[in-house]
Amino acid sequence: MLPRRQLLEGSRHPAALEAVLDAAETALRTWEPTWTGFLDGAVREEATERLAPLAELQLHAEGGFAGAERQRLLLLRRETGLDPQVLPADLGGLEISGNFLFDPAEPADLRQALLDLGTEPASIGDLWMRGDRGGQGVLTGPAARALDGRQARVRTVEVQLGARPLADLQPPVQRRPRRWHTVEASCRLDAVASAGFGLSRARMAELIRGGQVRVNWTVIDSPSRELAAGDRVQIGGRGELALIAVNPTKRERWRIDLERR
């Protein structure tokens, strides 16, 4: 039904894209709206780029709040006339309560705890920390309900899980794109990302070595990775930093034009 070979050709995420194509073919065959599981931003972008030109297919992304990185794709036939904005995505919120004062955690730590409980990866959307008292996140409705009342361990911290309506969550504030420039001695990842995300260079290097930082959606664990114009740096819960332009200065430094999204 779909030109699968053509759509998969050169894909950076063929296995994940195959699953999206399966959902698309189901929607086209049954005329019923079909949701994928939660997709990483890189997969969602690639799937949207490849499927959006198809005249018979309509796509809509939903992650539970504005600016969510991990989102589900709704696929449906255009001829149905259905408004994708009003079709229920069956998403639920999750409260993760614990004392992280002496063992700060990152969203990836929350995700690992949920995976350790047997939660399917495709059921987990964005997760974020809320200070030292815990975190929150968006999951599919069934996954959130299944975790309600359970306990887990995040790093060394015992946490209590509770299902919550999406309206009760306090997700990260969606940032308006902001442009500015910085002058750095090098284009190393730790230097540029430190300036762009407003973190100390030591903290940024720690996040990079811990696998929390991605460049163009690929996890990078080397702080010395050189960046170039067009690169995009992503950190879960902190948004994205895009390098708009990189130019040498007269003093053998680098003027880097940035956009924080």
C-alpha atoms as a PDB file:
ATOM      1  CA  MET A   1       0.000   0.000   0.000  1.00  0.00           C
ATOM      2  CA  LEU A   2       2.803   2.399   0.907  1.00  0.00           C
ATOM      3  CA  PRO A   3       6.036   2.642  -1.094  1.00  0.00           C
ATOM      4  CA  ARG A   4       7.925   1.181   1.875  1.00  0.00           C
ATOM      5  CA  ARG A   5      11.232   0.611   0.120  1.00  0.00           C
ATOM      6  CA  GLN A   6      11.305   4.203  -1.053  1.00  0.00           C
ATOM      7  CA  LEU A   7      10.240   5.555   2.346  1.00  0.00           C
ATOM      8  CA  LEU A   8      12.876   3.494   4.169  1.00  0.00           C
ATOM      9  CA  GLU A   9      15.722   4.213   1.784  1.00  0.00           C
ATOM     10  CA  GLY A  10      18.542   5.998   3.594  1.00  0.00           C
ATOM     11  CA  SER A  11      16.645   6.091   6.892  1.00  0.00           C
ATOM     12  CA  ARG A  12      18.730   6.805   9.989  1.00  0.00           C
ATOM     13  CA  HIS A  13      16.227   4.880  12.131  1.00  0.00           C
ATOM     14  CA  PRO A  14      14.883   2.075   9.914  1.00  0.00           C
ATOM     15  CA  ALA A  15      13.480  -0.169  12.674  1.00  0.00           C
ATOM     16  CA  ALA A  16      11.570   2.666  14.338  1.00  0.00           C
ATOM     17  CA  LEU A  17      10.387   3.987  10.981  1.00  0.00           C
ATOM     18  CA  GLU A  18       9.144   0.496  10.051  1.00  0.00           C
ATOM     19  CA  ALA A  19       6.857   0.582  13.108  1.00  0.00           C
ATOM     20  CA  VAL A  20       5.486   3.972  12.040  1.00  0.00           C
ATOM     21  CA  LEU A  21       4.865   2.656   8.525  1.00  0.00           C
ATOM     22  CA  ASP A  22       2.994  -0.315  10.013  1.00  0.00           C
ATOM     23  CA  ALA A  23       0.736   2.112  11.877  1.00  0.00           C
ATOM     24  CA  ALA A  24       0.235   4.197   8.741  1.00  0.00           C
ATOM     25  CA  GLU A  25      -0.765   1.170   6.699  1.00  0.00           C
ATOM     26  CA  THR A  26      -3.210   0.117   9.411  1.00  0.00           C
ATOM     27  CA  ALA A  27      -4.810   3.574   9.322  1.00  0.00           C
ATOM     28  CA  LEU A  28      -5.069   3.495   5.534  1.00  0.00           C
ATOM     29  CA  ARG A  29      -6.435  -0.041   5.421  1.00  0.00           C
ATOM     30  CA  THR A  30      -9.002   0.230   8.234  1.00  0.00           C
ATOM     31  CA  TRP A  31      -9.898   3.925   7.877  1.00  0.00           C
ATOM     32  CA  GLU A  32      -9.468   4.116  11.663  1.00  0.00           C
ATOM     33  CA  PRO A  33      -7.189   6.695  13.338  1.00  0.00           C
ATOM     34  CA  THR A  34      -4.035   4.942  14.555  1.00  0.00           C
ATOM     35  CA  TRP A  35      -1.551   6.152  17.174  1.00  0.00           C
ATOM     36  CA  THR A  36       2.089   5.156  17.319  1.00  0.00           C
ATOM     37  CA  GLY A  37       3.921   4.785  20.602  1.00  0.00           C
ATOM     38  CA  PHE A  38       6.038   7.669  21.863  1.00  0.00           C
ATOM     39  CA  LEU A  39       8.811   8.483  19.397  1.00  0.00           C
ATOM     40  CA  ASP A  40      12.147  10.150  19.986  1.00  0.00           C
ATOM     41  CA  GLY A  41      12.392  13.561  18.394  1.00  0.00           C
ATOM     42  CA  ALA A  42      14.752  12.293  15.709  1.00  0.00           C
ATOM     43  CA  VAL A  43      12.392   9.484  14.657  1.00  0.00           C
ATOM     44  CA  ARG A  44       9.350  11.765  14.728  1.00  0.00           C
ATOM     45  CA  GLU A  45      11.092  14.357  12.572  1.00  0.00           C
ATOM     46  CA  GLU A  46      12.211  11.764  10.049  1.00  0.00           C
ATOM     47  CA  ALA A  47       8.812  10.035   9.930  1.00  0.00           C
ATOM     48  CA  THR A  48       7.006  13.344   9.474  1.00  0.00           C
ATOM     49  CA  GLU A  49       9.410  14.442   6.736  1.00  0.00           C
ATOM     50  CA  ARG A  50       8.899  11.206   4.805  1.00  0.00           C
ATOM     51  CA  LEU A  51       5.167  10.681   5.324  1.00  0.00           C
ATOM     52  CA  ALA A  52       3.808  14.237   5.191  1.00  0.00           C
ATOM     53  CA  PRO A  53       4.037  14.459   1.348  1.00  0.00           C
ATOM     54  CA  LEU A  54       1.667  11.461   0.956  1.00  0.00           C
ATOM     55  CA  ALA A  55      -1.644  12.891  -0.237  1.00  0.00           C
ATOM     56  CA  GLU A  56      -3.874  10.264   1.383  1.00  0.00           C
ATOM     57  CA  LEU A  57      -2.299  10.422   4.850  1.00  0.00           C
ATOM     58  CA  GLN A  58      -2.719  13.000   7.604  1.00  0.00           C
ATOM     59  CA  LEU A  59      -0.351  13.262  10.585  1.00  0.00           C
ATOM     60  CA  HIS A  60      -0.685  14.888  13.985  1.00  0.00           C
ATOM     61  CA  ALA A  61       1.861  14.814  16.837  1.00  0.00           C
ATOM     62  CA  GLU A  62       0.921  14.884  20.524  1.00  0.00           C
ATOM     63  CA  GLY A  63       3.175  14.726  23.560  1.00  0.00           C
ATOM     64  CA  GLY A  64       0.875  15.872  26.353  1.00  0.00           C
ATOM     65  CA  PHE A  65       2.112  19.465  26.533  1.00  0.00           C
ATOM     66  CA  ALA A  66       3.445  22.161  24.239  1.00  0.00           C
ATOM     67  CA  GLY A  67       7.079  21.600  23.334  1.00  0.00           C
ATOM     68  CA  ALA A  68       7.261  17.934  24.347  1.00  0.00           C
ATOM     69  CA  GLU A  69      10.222  16.191  22.741  1.00  0.00           C
ATOM     70  CA  ARG A  70       8.869  12.635  22.771  1.00  0.00           C
ATOM     71  CA  GLN A  71       5.494  12.546  21.045  1.00  0.00           C
ATOM     72  CA  ARG A  72       3.055  10.067  19.564  1.00  0.00           C
ATOM     73  CA  LEU A  73       2.022  10.348  15.935  1.00  0.00           C
ATOM     74  CA  LEU A  74      -1.619  10.074  14.949  1.00  0.00           C
ATOM     75  CA  LEU A  75      -2.051   8.703  11.434  1.00  0.00           C
ATOM     76  CA  LEU A  76      -5.358   8.799   9.575  1.00  0.00           C
ATOM     77  CA  ARG A  77      -6.820   8.946   6.098  1.00  0.00           C
ATOM     78  CA  ARG A  78      -7.491  12.475   4.926  1.00  0.00           C
ATOM     79  CA  GLU A  79     -10.800  11.359   3.414  1.00  0.00           C
ATOM     80  CA  THR A  80     -12.234  10.600   6.855  1.00  0.00           C
ATOM     81  CA  GLY A  81     -12.665  14.315   7.480  1.00  0.00           C
ATOM     82  CA  LEU A  82     -11.804  13.828  11.158  1.00  0.00           C
ATOM     83  CA  ASP A  83     -10.148  16.660  13.060  1.00  0.00           C
ATOM     84  CA  PRO A  84      -6.936  15.243  14.568  1.00  0.00           C
ATOM     85  CA  GLN A  85      -6.896  18.014  17.164  1.00  0.00           C
ATOM     86  CA  VAL A  86      -9.922  16.569  18.944  1.00  0.00           C
ATOM     87  CA  LEU A  87      -9.139  12.855  18.734  1.00  0.00           C
ATOM     88  CA  PRO A  88      -8.200  11.480  22.187  1.00  0.00           C
ATOM     89  CA  ALA A  89      -4.594  10.395  22.607  1.00  0.00           C
ATOM     90  CA  ASP A  90      -5.229   8.593  25.940  1.00  0.00           C
ATOM     91  CA  LEU A  91      -2.286  10.133  27.762  1.00  0.00           C
ATOM     92  CA  GLY A  92      -1.791  10.309  31.517  1.00  0.00           C
ATOM     93  CA  GLY A  93       0.474  12.132  33.913  1.00  0.00           C
ATOM     94  CA  LEU A  94       2.792  10.554  36.461  1.00  0.00           C
ATOM     95  CA  GLU A  95       4.069  12.049  39.709  1.00  0.00           C
ATOM     96  CA  ILE A  96       7.411  10.666  40.947  1.00  0.00           C
ATOM     97  CA  SER A  97       7.857  11.726  44.565  1.00  0.00           C
ATOM     98  CA  GLY A  98      11.086  11.349  46.539  1.00  0.00           C
ATOM     99  CA  ASN A  99      13.861  13.254  48.286  1.00  0.00           C
ATOM    100  CA  PHE A 100      16.662  13.996  45.809  1.00  0.00           C
ATOM    101  CA  LEU A 101      18.407  16.574  47.969  1.00  0.00           C
ATOM    102  CA  PHE A 102      21.534  14.428  48.445  1.00  0.00           C
ATOM    103  CA  ASP A 103      21.395  12.479  45.172  1.00  0.00           C
ATOM    104  CA  PRO A 104      20.209  14.743  42.344  1.00  0.00           C
ATOM    105  CA  ALA A 105      18.731  12.925  39.364  1.00  0.00           C
ATOM    106  CA  GLU A 106      18.210  13.611  35.684  1.00  0.00           C
ATOM    107  CA  PRO A 107      15.208  12.706  33.489  1.00  0.00           C
ATOM    108  CA  ALA A 108      17.165   9.722  32.140  1.00  0.00           C
ATOM    109  CA  ASP A 109      17.324   8.344  35.696  1.00  0.00           C
ATOM    110  CA  LEU A 110      13.542   8.591  36.004  1.00  0.00           C
ATOM    111  CA  ARG A 111      13.133   6.823  32.684  1.00  0.00           C
ATOM    112  CA  GLN A 112      15.456   3.988  33.718  1.00  0.00           C
ATOM    113  CA  ALA A 113      13.461   3.475  36.915  1.00  0.00           C
ATOM    114  CA  LEU A 114      10.240   3.110  34.922  1.00  0.00           C
ATOM    115  CA  LEU A 115      11.906   0.691  32.511  1.00  0.00           C
ATOM    116  CA  ASP A 116      13.145  -1.358  35.470  1.00  0.00           C
ATOM    117  CA  LEU A 117       9.498  -1.735  36.513  1.00  0.00           C
ATOM    118  CA  GLY A 118       8.699  -3.266  33.136  1.00  0.00           C
ATOM    119  CA  THR A 119       7.167  -0.209  31.471  1.00  0.00           C
ATOM    120  CA  GLU A 120       7.364  -0.404  27.685  1.00  0.00           C
ATOM    121  CA  PRO A 121       9.717   2.240  26.220  1.00  0.00           C
ATOM    122  CA  ALA A 122       7.084   3.334  23.697  1.00  0.00           C
ATOM    123  CA  SER A 123       4.692   4.070  26.601  1.00  0.00           C
ATOM    124  CA  ILE A 124       6.995   6.704  28.128  1.00  0.00           C
ATOM    125  CA  GLY A 125       6.890  10.294  26.932  1.00  0.00           C
ATOM    126  CA  ASP A 126       8.815  13.244  28.329  1.00  0.00           C
ATOM    127  CA  LEU A 127      10.013  13.144  31.946  1.00  0.00           C
ATOM    128  CA  TRP A 128      11.373  16.096  33.914  1.00  0.00           C
ATOM    129  CA  MET A 129      12.673  16.939  37.371  1.00  0.00           C
ATOM    130  CA  ARG A 130      10.926  19.382  39.700  1.00  0.00           C
ATOM    131  CA  GLY A 131      13.668  20.396  42.087  1.00  0.00           C
ATOM    132  CA  ASP A 132      14.809  17.999  44.800  1.00  0.00           C
ATOM    133  CA  ARG A 133      11.342  16.619  45.592  1.00  0.00           C
ATOM    134  CA  GLY A 134      10.951  14.447  42.523  1.00  0.00           C
ATOM    135  CA  GLY A 135       9.757  14.623  38.955  1.00  0.00           C
ATOM    136  CA  GLN A 136       6.805  14.257  36.636  1.00  0.00           C
ATOM    137  CA  GLY A 137       6.149  12.845  33.213  1.00  0.00           C
ATOM    138  CA  VAL A 138       3.700  11.943  30.469  1.00  0.00           C
ATOM    139  CA  LEU A 139       2.894   8.324  29.656  1.00  0.00           C
ATOM    140  CA  THR A 140       0.201   6.516  27.751  1.00  0.00           C
ATOM    141  CA  GLY A 141      -2.945   6.292  29.846  1.00  0.00           C
ATOM    142  CA  PRO A 142      -2.699   2.530  30.507  1.00  0.00           C
ATOM    143  CA  ALA A 143       0.962   2.808  31.547  1.00  0.00           C
ATOM    144  CA  ALA A 144       0.276   5.679  33.956  1.00  0.00           C
ATOM    145  CA  ARG A 145      -2.637   3.828  35.530  1.00  0.00           C
ATOM    146  CA  ALA A 146      -0.585   0.633  35.875  1.00  0.00           C
ATOM    147  CA  LEU A 147       2.128   2.525  37.801  1.00  0.00           C
ATOM    148  CA  ASP A 148      -0.271   4.311  40.155  1.00  0.00           C
ATOM    149  CA  GLY A 149       0.599   3.562  43.785  1.00  0.00           C
ATOM    150  CA  ARG A 150       3.791   1.641  43.024  1.00  0.00           C
ATOM    151  CA  GLN A 151       7.213   2.283  44.505  1.00  0.00           C
ATOM    152  CA  ALA A 152      10.518   2.407  42.668  1.00  0.00           C
ATOM    153  CA  ARG A 153      14.155   3.373  43.118  1.00  0.00           C
ATOM    154  CA  VAL A 154      15.687   6.245  41.185  1.00  0.00           C
ATOM    155  CA  ARG A 155      19.437   6.068  41.666  1.00  0.00           C
ATOM    156  CA  THR A 156      19.616   5.649  45.477  1.00  0.00           C
ATOM    157  CA  VAL A 157      16.278   7.340  46.183  1.00  0.00           C
ATOM    158  CA  GLU A 158      13.057   5.484  47.000  1.00  0.00           C
ATOM    159  CA  VAL A 159      10.142   7.104  45.186  1.00  0.00           C
ATOM    160  CA  GLN A 160       6.363   6.828  45.177  1.00  0.00           C
ATOM    161  CA  LEU A 161       4.517   6.835  41.860  1.00  0.00           C
ATOM    162  CA  GLY A 162       1.100   8.348  41.362  1.00  0.00           C
ATOM    163  CA  ALA A 163      -1.092   8.749  38.271  1.00  0.00           C
ATOM    164  CA  ARG A 164      -2.211  12.343  37.692  1.00  0.00           C
ATOM    165  CA  PRO A 165      -4.391  14.132  35.112  1.00  0.00           C
ATOM    166  CA  LEU A 166      -2.332  15.982  32.535  1.00  0.00           C
ATOM    167  CA  ALA A 167      -3.888  19.244  33.713  1.00  0.00           C
ATOM    168  CA  ASP A 168      -2.292  18.752  37.159  1.00  0.00           C
ATOM    169  CA  LEU A 169       1.253  18.515  35.791  1.00  0.00           C
ATOM    170  CA  GLN A 170       3.724  21.372  35.728  1.00  0.00           C
ATOM    171  CA  PRO A 171       5.748  20.633  32.577  1.00  0.00           C
ATOM    172  CA  PRO A 172       8.837  22.584  31.547  1.00  0.00           C
ATOM    173  CA  VAL A 173       7.988  26.035  30.274  1.00  0.00           C
ATOM    174  CA  GLN A 174       8.007  26.191  26.494  1.00  0.00           C
ATOM    175  CA  ARG A 175      10.720  28.614  25.538  1.00  0.00           C
ATOM    176  CA  ARG A 176      10.348  31.154  22.822  1.00  0.00           C
ATOM    177  CA  PRO A 177      13.293  30.838  20.440  1.00  0.00           C
ATOM    178  CA  ARG A 178      16.005  33.252  21.529  1.00  0.00           C
ATOM    179  CA  ARG A 179      19.061  34.221  19.496  1.00  0.00           C
ATOM    180  CA  TRP A 180      22.336  35.628  20.727  1.00  0.00           C
ATOM    181  CA  HIS A 181      26.049  35.097  20.216  1.00  0.00           C
ATOM    182  CA  THR A 182      28.958  33.978  22.326  1.00  0.00           C
ATOM    183  CA  VAL A 183      32.706  34.153  21.750  1.00  0.00           C
ATOM    184  CA  GLU A 184      34.594  31.008  22.718  1.00  0.00           C
ATOM    185  CA  ALA A 185      38.193  29.805  22.525  1.00  0.00           C
ATOM    186  CA  SER A 186      37.029  26.626  20.770  1.00  0.00           C
ATOM    187  CA  CYS A 187      33.942  24.956  19.341  1.00  0.00           C
ATOM    188  CA  ARG A 188      34.086  22.090  21.814  1.00  0.00           C
ATOM    189  CA  LEU A 189      30.736  20.696  22.850  1.00  0.00           C
ATOM    190  CA  ASP A 190      31.253  21.376  26.552  1.00  0.00           C
ATOM    191  CA  ALA A 191      32.230  25.015  25.921  1.00  0.00           C
ATOM    192  CA  VAL A 192      29.430  25.872  23.523  1.00  0.00           C
ATOM    193  CA  ALA A 193      26.699  23.959  25.364  1.00  0.00           C
ATOM    194  CA  SER A 194      27.797  25.449  28.679  1.00  0.00           C
ATOM    195  CA  ALA A 195      27.319  28.952  27.265  1.00  0.00           C
ATOM    196  CA  GLY A 196      24.090  28.032  25.516  1.00  0.00           C
ATOM    197  CA  PHE A 197      22.333  26.245  28.375  1.00  0.00           C
ATOM    198  CA  GLY A 198      23.674  28.446  31.166  1.00  0.00           C
ATOM    199  CA  LEU A 199      25.435  25.633  33.057  1.00  0.00           C
ATOM    200  CA  SER A 200      28.970  25.509  34.361  1.00  0.00           C
ATOM    201  CA  ARG A 201      31.454  23.836  32.064  1.00  0.00           C
ATOM    202  CA  ALA A 202      32.184  21.193  34.699  1.00  0.00           C
ATOM    203  CA  ARG A 203      28.476  20.366  35.028  1.00  0.00           C
ATOM    204  CA  MET A 204      28.089  20.218  31.266  1.00  0.00           C
ATOM    205  CA  ALA A 205      31.059  17.861  30.951  1.00  0.00           C
ATOM    206  CA  GLU A 206      29.450  15.663  33.609  1.00  0.00           C
ATOM    207  CA  LEU A 207      26.174  15.535  31.682  1.00  0.00           C
ATOM    208  CA  ILE A 208      28.000  14.714  28.453  1.00  0.00           C
ATOM    209  CA  ARG A 209      30.019  11.880  29.979  1.00  0.00           C
ATOM    210  CA  GLY A 210      26.812  10.572  31.562  1.00  0.00           C
ATOM    211  CA  GLY A 211      25.134  10.243  28.162  1.00  0.00           C
ATOM    212  CA  GLN A 212      22.632  13.045  28.791  1.00  0.00           C
ATOM    213  CA  VAL A 213      23.616  15.205  25.816  1.00  0.00           C
ATOM    214  CA  ARG A 214      22.869  14.591  22.152  1.00  0.00           C
ATOM    215  CA  VAL A 215      24.127  16.284  19.016  1.00  0.00           C
ATOM    216  CA  ASN A 216      21.721  16.026  16.100  1.00  0.00           C
ATOM    217  CA  TRP A 217      19.838  13.460  18.206  1.00  0.00           C
ATOM    218  CA  THR A 218      22.894  11.206  18.631  1.00  0.00           C
ATOM    219  CA  VAL A 219      24.212  10.680  22.165  1.00  0.00           C
ATOM    220  CA  ILE A 220      27.726  12.107  22.517  1.00  0.00           C
ATOM    221  CA  ASP A 221      29.881  11.164  25.514  1.00  0.00           C
ATOM    222  CA  SER A 222      32.991  13.204  24.662  1.00  0.00           C
ATOM    223  CA  PRO A 223      33.107  16.826  25.936  1.00  0.00           C
ATOM    224  CA  SER A 224      35.765  17.621  23.329  1.00  0.00           C
ATOM    225  CA  ARG A 225      33.476  16.849  20.369  1.00  0.00           C
ATOM    226  CA  GLU A 226      33.833  19.733  17.888  1.00  0.00           C
ATOM    227  CA  LEU A 227      30.646  21.462  16.753  1.00  0.00           C
ATOM    228  CA  ALA A 228      29.922  23.252  13.477  1.00  0.00           C
ATOM    229  CA  ALA A 229      27.264  25.537  12.056  1.00  0.00           C
ATOM    230  CA  GLY A 230      23.989  23.649  11.637  1.00  0.00           C
ATOM    231  CA  ASP A 231      24.551  21.336  14.610  1.00  0.00           C
ATOM    232  CA  ARG A 232      21.762  20.989  17.168  1.00  0.00           C
ATOM    233  CA  VAL A 233      22.437  20.088  20.795  1.00  0.00           C
ATOM    234  CA  GLN A 234      19.646  18.475  22.824  1.00  0.00           C
ATOM    235  CA  ILE A 235      19.405  17.897  26.580  1.00  0.00           C
ATOM    236  CA  GLY A 236      16.307  16.224  27.998  1.00  0.00           C
ATOM    237  CA  GLY A 237      14.183  18.697  29.955  1.00  0.00           C
ATOM    238  CA  ARG A 238      16.316  21.661  28.859  1.00  0.00           C
ATOM    239  CA  GLY A 239      15.380  21.985  25.212  1.00  0.00           C
ATOM    240  CA  GLU A 240      17.567  22.408  22.176  1.00  0.00           C
ATOM    241  CA  LEU A 241      20.461  24.656  21.197  1.00  0.00           C
ATOM    242  CA  ALA A 242      21.100  25.322  17.509  1.00  0.00           C
ATOM    243  CA  LEU A 243      24.362  26.694  16.098  1.00  0.00           C
ATOM    244  CA  ILE A 244      23.249  29.176  13.452  1.00  0.00           C
ATOM    245  CA  ALA A 245      26.706  30.387  12.386  1.00  0.00           C
ATOM    246  CA  VAL A 246      30.326  29.885  13.441  1.00  0.00           C
ATOM    247  CA  ASN A 247      32.974  32.422  12.386  1.00  0.00           C
ATOM    248  CA  PRO A 248      36.605  33.047  13.445  1.00  0.00           C
ATOM    249  CA  THR A 249      37.475  36.341  15.108  1.00  0.00           C
ATOM    250  CA  LYS A 250      40.622  38.411  14.661  1.00  0.00           C
ATOM    251  CA  ARG A 251      41.925  37.134  18.001  1.00  0.00           C
ATOM    252  CA  GLU A 252      41.835  33.469  16.994  1.00  0.00           C
ATOM    253  CA  ARG A 253      38.614  32.787  18.834  1.00  0.00           C
ATOM    254  CA  TRP A 254      35.169  31.816  17.559  1.00  0.00           C
ATOM    255  CA  ARG A 255      32.031  33.920  17.361  1.00  0.00           C
ATOM    256  CA  ILE A 256      29.098  31.494  17.571  1.00  0.00           C
ATOM    257  CA  ASP A 257      25.520  32.579  16.804  1.00  0.00           C
ATOM    258  CA  LEU A 258      23.117  30.485  18.869  1.00  0.00           C
ATOM    259  CA  GLU A 259      19.395  29.878  19.060  1.00  0.00           C
ATOM    260  CA  ARG A 260      17.867  28.338  22.196  1.00  0.00           C
ATOM    261  CA  ARG A 261      14.600  26.530  21.565  1.00  0.00           C
END
